[in-house]
Protein backbone atom coordinates (compact mmCIF):
# COMPACT_ATOMS: atom_id res chain seq x y z
CA MET A 1 14.28 -0.05 14.32
CA GLU A 2 16.59 1.75 11.90
CA LEU A 3 15.14 2.66 8.50
CA ASP A 4 18.03 0.99 6.67
CA THR A 5 17.42 -2.26 8.56
CA ALA A 6 13.71 -2.20 7.70
CA LEU A 7 14.45 -1.40 4.04
CA ASP A 8 16.97 -4.25 3.84
CA PHE A 9 14.30 -6.57 5.23
CA ALA A 10 11.71 -5.24 2.75
CA ARG A 11 14.12 -6.10 -0.07
CA THR A 12 13.85 -9.80 0.88
CA THR A 13 10.28 -10.05 -0.43
CA SER A 14 7.95 -8.10 -2.70
CA ARG A 15 4.67 -8.97 -0.96
CA SER A 16 3.28 -6.64 1.65
CA VAL A 17 0.21 -4.92 3.06
CA LEU A 18 -0.30 -1.23 2.38
CA THR A 19 -2.29 0.82 4.89
CA THR A 20 -3.80 4.14 3.84
CA VAL A 21 -6.21 6.42 5.66
CA ARG A 22 -9.86 6.62 4.63
CA ARG A 23 -11.81 9.87 4.72
CA ASN A 24 -13.36 8.84 8.06
CA GLY A 25 -9.90 8.28 9.58
CA ARG A 26 -10.08 4.49 9.60
CA PRO A 27 -7.45 2.35 7.92
CA GLN A 28 -7.78 0.88 4.42
CA LEU A 29 -5.55 -2.18 3.96
CA SER A 30 -4.54 -3.66 0.61
CA ASN A 31 -2.29 -6.54 -0.36
CA VAL A 32 0.33 -5.11 -2.73
CA THR A 33 3.60 -5.90 -4.43
CA HIS A 34 6.39 -3.49 -3.58
CA TRP A 35 9.88 -2.76 -4.87
CA VAL A 36 12.57 -1.13 -2.77
CA ALA A 37 14.62 0.70 -5.37
CA PRO A 38 18.33 1.40 -4.92
CA ASP A 39 17.44 5.00 -3.97
CA GLY A 40 15.59 3.70 -0.86
CA ILE A 41 12.19 4.73 -2.19
CA VAL A 42 9.57 1.99 -2.02
CA ARG A 43 7.49 1.81 -5.19
CA ILE A 44 4.04 0.27 -5.60
CA SER A 45 1.96 0.09 -8.78
CA ILE A 46 -1.70 1.04 -8.23
CA THR A 47 -4.64 2.08 -10.39
CA ALA A 48 -6.30 5.47 -10.24
CA ASP A 49 -9.77 3.99 -9.70
CA ARG A 50 -9.03 2.28 -6.37
CA ALA A 51 -9.68 3.47 -2.83
CA LYS A 52 -5.98 3.50 -1.97
CA TYR A 53 -5.33 6.03 -4.76
CA ALA A 54 -8.11 8.34 -3.55
CA ASN A 55 -6.87 7.96 0.03
CA LEU A 56 -3.29 8.78 -0.93
CA ARG A 57 -4.32 11.83 -2.95
CA ARG A 58 -6.21 13.15 0.06
CA GLU A 59 -3.72 12.04 2.75
CA PRO A 60 -0.26 11.33 1.28
CA TRP A 61 0.84 8.98 4.05
CA ALA A 62 0.98 5.19 4.24
CA ALA A 63 2.34 2.33 6.29
CA LEU A 64 3.73 -0.77 4.62
CA HIS A 65 3.73 -4.03 6.59
CA VAL A 66 6.29 -6.55 5.36
CA THR A 67 6.42 -10.00 6.92
CA ARG A 68 8.61 -13.05 6.54
CA ASP A 69 6.97 -16.16 5.11
CA ASP A 70 7.04 -17.93 8.48
CA PHE A 71 5.29 -14.89 10.07
CA TRP A 72 7.86 -14.57 12.89
CA ALA A 73 9.59 -11.44 11.64
CA TYR A 74 8.14 -8.21 10.31
CA ALA A 75 8.86 -4.57 9.65
CA VAL A 76 6.50 -1.65 9.21
CA LEU A 77 7.63 1.32 7.18
CA GLU A 78 5.71 4.54 7.72
CA ALA A 79 6.12 6.87 4.78
CA ASP A 80 5.22 10.10 3.11
CA VAL A 81 3.79 9.28 -0.30
CA GLU A 82 4.26 10.88 -3.67
CA LEU A 83 2.06 9.79 -6.60
CA THR A 84 3.18 9.91 -10.20
CA PRO A 85 0.74 11.26 -12.77
CA VAL A 86 -1.68 8.68 -14.14
CA ALA A 87 -0.17 6.86 -17.14
CA ALA A 88 -1.56 8.78 -20.11
CA SER A 89 0.56 7.71 -23.08
CA THR A 90 2.69 4.67 -23.81
CA ASP A 91 5.90 6.71 -23.73
CA ASP A 92 5.35 8.96 -20.70
CA ALA A 93 7.52 9.04 -17.57
CA THR A 94 4.99 7.08 -15.51
CA VAL A 95 5.02 4.19 -17.98
CA GLU A 96 8.82 4.24 -18.00
CA GLU A 97 8.84 3.99 -14.20
CA LEU A 98 6.28 1.16 -14.36
CA ILE A 99 8.61 -0.68 -16.72
CA ALA A 100 11.50 -0.28 -14.24
CA TYR A 101 9.18 -1.56 -11.49
CA TYR A 102 8.16 -4.60 -13.58
CA ARG A 103 11.76 -5.39 -14.54
CA ALA A 104 12.91 -5.21 -10.91
CA LEU A 105 10.23 -7.64 -9.76
CA SER A 106 9.69 -9.94 -12.75
CA GLY A 107 12.43 -9.48 -15.34
CA GLU A 108 11.65 -8.91 -18.99
CA HIS A 109 8.09 -8.78 -20.27
CA PRO A 110 7.34 -10.86 -23.41
CA ASP A 111 5.63 -7.88 -25.12
CA TRP A 112 6.61 -4.41 -23.90
CA ALA A 113 4.30 -2.67 -26.38
CA ASP A 114 1.34 -4.58 -24.95
CA TYR A 115 2.50 -3.82 -21.39
CA ARG A 116 2.73 -0.11 -22.21
CA ARG A 117 -0.81 -0.10 -23.65
CA ALA A 118 -2.13 -1.96 -20.59
CA MET A 119 -0.56 0.54 -18.17
CA VAL A 120 -2.37 3.41 -19.93
CA ALA A 121 -5.65 1.46 -20.22
CA ASP A 122 -5.49 0.53 -16.51
CA ARG A 123 -4.73 4.14 -15.55
CA ARG A 124 -1.68 2.99 -13.56
CA VAL A 125 0.25 5.13 -11.13
CA ILE A 126 3.39 4.56 -9.09
CA ALA A 127 3.06 5.35 -5.40
CA ARG A 128 6.49 6.35 -4.14
CA LEU A 129 6.85 5.76 -0.43
CA HIS A 130 9.53 7.86 1.23
CA PRO A 131 10.04 6.09 4.59
CA THR A 132 10.19 8.30 7.67
CA ARG A 133 9.90 5.74 10.49
CA ALA A 134 10.22 2.00 10.96
CA TYR A 135 9.32 -0.48 13.65
CA GLY A 136 8.83 -4.20 13.94
CA MET A 137 10.47 -7.40 15.08
CA LEU A 138 13.46 -8.83 13.26
CA PRO A 139 15.79 -11.57 14.43
């Protein structure tokens, strides 16, 4: 499957399953919300206290499984992963990227100042997936 085809399919939904690699080599799967940005990079908001963050710091690779609601079409994007710094202040670059992520998926937030504070308090990070391979079954 061509990467562009898989990315186009991933743009049709924001729900997916992220697979990272545990220290013992076994997979760690997490339900996530993703955004395929216009630059073709898939972005996912995660917190720095979760297993997927530790896994991605150690092994910066992931697979993202995206499926259609009826379950009869899917694409898997394998990707090299880049992590932003942990959100440390309400006006840092990570928080700005988290705002772009939120806007792309949900529109405007009713209280951006509160959102900014929450991103820092949650120790949020953006995982940027740079797809390298795709496979799956699309109609």
